[in-house]
Protein backbone atom coordinates (compact mmCIF):
# COMPACT_ATOMS: atom_id res chain seq x y z
CA UNK A 1 -36.56 -60.17 -34.38
CA UNK A 2 -36.66 -59.04 -30.78
CA UNK A 3 -40.03 -59.11 -29.07
CA UNK A 4 -40.50 -56.50 -26.36
CA UNK A 5 -42.55 -57.26 -23.25
CA UNK A 6 -45.68 -55.53 -24.50
CA UNK A 7 -48.03 -57.02 -21.90
CA UNK A 8 -45.97 -55.54 -19.06
CA UNK A 9 -45.84 -52.27 -21.00
CA UNK A 10 -49.62 -52.14 -21.27
CA UNK A 11 -50.01 -52.89 -17.56
CA UNK A 12 -47.45 -50.20 -16.72
CA UNK A 13 -49.23 -47.65 -18.89
CA UNK A 14 -52.59 -48.55 -17.38
CA UNK A 15 -51.17 -48.22 -13.86
CA UNK A 16 -49.59 -44.84 -14.57
CA UNK A 17 -52.40 -43.32 -16.61
CA UNK A 18 -55.43 -44.17 -14.49
CA UNK A 19 -56.63 -41.50 -12.02
CA UNK A 20 -55.36 -43.33 -8.93
CA UNK A 21 -51.92 -43.82 -10.46
CA UNK A 22 -51.76 -40.19 -11.49
CA UNK A 23 -52.74 -39.12 -7.97
CA UNK A 24 -49.91 -41.19 -6.51
CA UNK A 25 -47.39 -39.77 -8.98
CA UNK A 26 -48.51 -36.22 -8.27
CA UNK A 27 -48.43 -36.84 -4.51
CA UNK A 28 -44.99 -38.43 -4.74
CA UNK A 29 -43.21 -35.78 -6.78
CA UNK A 30 -45.27 -32.60 -7.05
CA UNK A 31 -46.98 -32.29 -3.67
CA UNK A 32 -46.32 -29.26 -1.53
CA UNK A 33 -46.54 -31.33 1.67
CA UNK A 34 -43.47 -33.22 2.79
CA UNK A 35 -45.55 -35.88 4.58
CA UNK A 36 -47.46 -36.89 1.44
CA UNK A 37 -44.20 -37.01 -0.56
CA UNK A 38 -42.59 -39.19 2.11
CA UNK A 39 -45.53 -41.58 2.05
CA UNK A 40 -46.13 -41.71 -1.71
CA UNK A 41 -42.55 -41.85 -3.05
CA UNK A 42 -41.69 -45.30 -1.64
CA UNK A 43 -45.02 -46.64 -2.90
CA UNK A 44 -44.39 -45.29 -6.41
CA UNK A 45 -40.83 -46.64 -6.45
CA UNK A 46 -41.98 -50.09 -5.23
CA UNK A 47 -44.72 -50.17 -7.90
CA UNK A 48 -42.21 -49.16 -10.58
CA UNK A 49 -39.80 -51.85 -9.44
CA UNK A 50 -42.59 -54.45 -9.50
CA UNK A 51 -43.50 -53.44 -13.06
CA UNK A 52 -39.86 -53.67 -14.16
CA UNK A 53 -39.64 -57.16 -12.64
CA UNK A 54 -42.87 -58.08 -14.43
CA UNK A 55 -41.32 -56.95 -17.72
CA UNK A 56 -38.17 -59.00 -17.06
CA UNK A 57 -40.24 -62.09 -16.25
CA UNK A 58 -42.25 -61.65 -19.43
CA UNK A 59 -39.05 -61.24 -21.46
CA UNK A 60 -37.54 -64.37 -19.85
CA UNK A 61 -40.68 -66.45 -20.54
CA UNK A 62 -40.71 -65.31 -24.17
CA UNK A 63 -37.02 -66.21 -24.53
CA UNK A 64 -37.60 -69.69 -23.08
CA UNK A 65 -40.58 -70.30 -25.35
CA UNK A 66 -38.58 -69.15 -28.37
CA UNK A 67 -35.75 -71.53 -27.50
CA UNK A 68 -38.19 -74.38 -26.97
CA UNK A 69 -39.91 -73.86 -30.31
CA UNK A 70 -36.55 -73.48 -32.07
CA UNK A 71 -35.39 -76.79 -30.57
CA UNK A 72 -38.56 -78.55 -31.73
CA UNK A 73 -38.34 -77.28 -35.31
CA UNK A 74 -34.81 -78.58 -35.84
CA UNK A 75 -35.10 -82.04 -37.34
CA UNK A 76 -32.45 -84.68 -36.63
CA UNK A 77 -30.36 -85.84 -39.56
CA UNK A 78 -30.82 -89.42 -40.73
């Protein structure tokens, strides 16, 4: 069974759905002013990249823990 990085997903949802995150998303993609789009778009893309990296780190940690517990449960043959 594959475990998805749910902690990173919750953090991503909280970052995107809070009022400050929504303001940045609106300023980055739906603003009528070019200056606010030019300022907000790199910030939104950097935050999205950081959240993707967080998800990959969580997935990697879960994979390592799964391998470690699988190695411990295998008993040596006598």
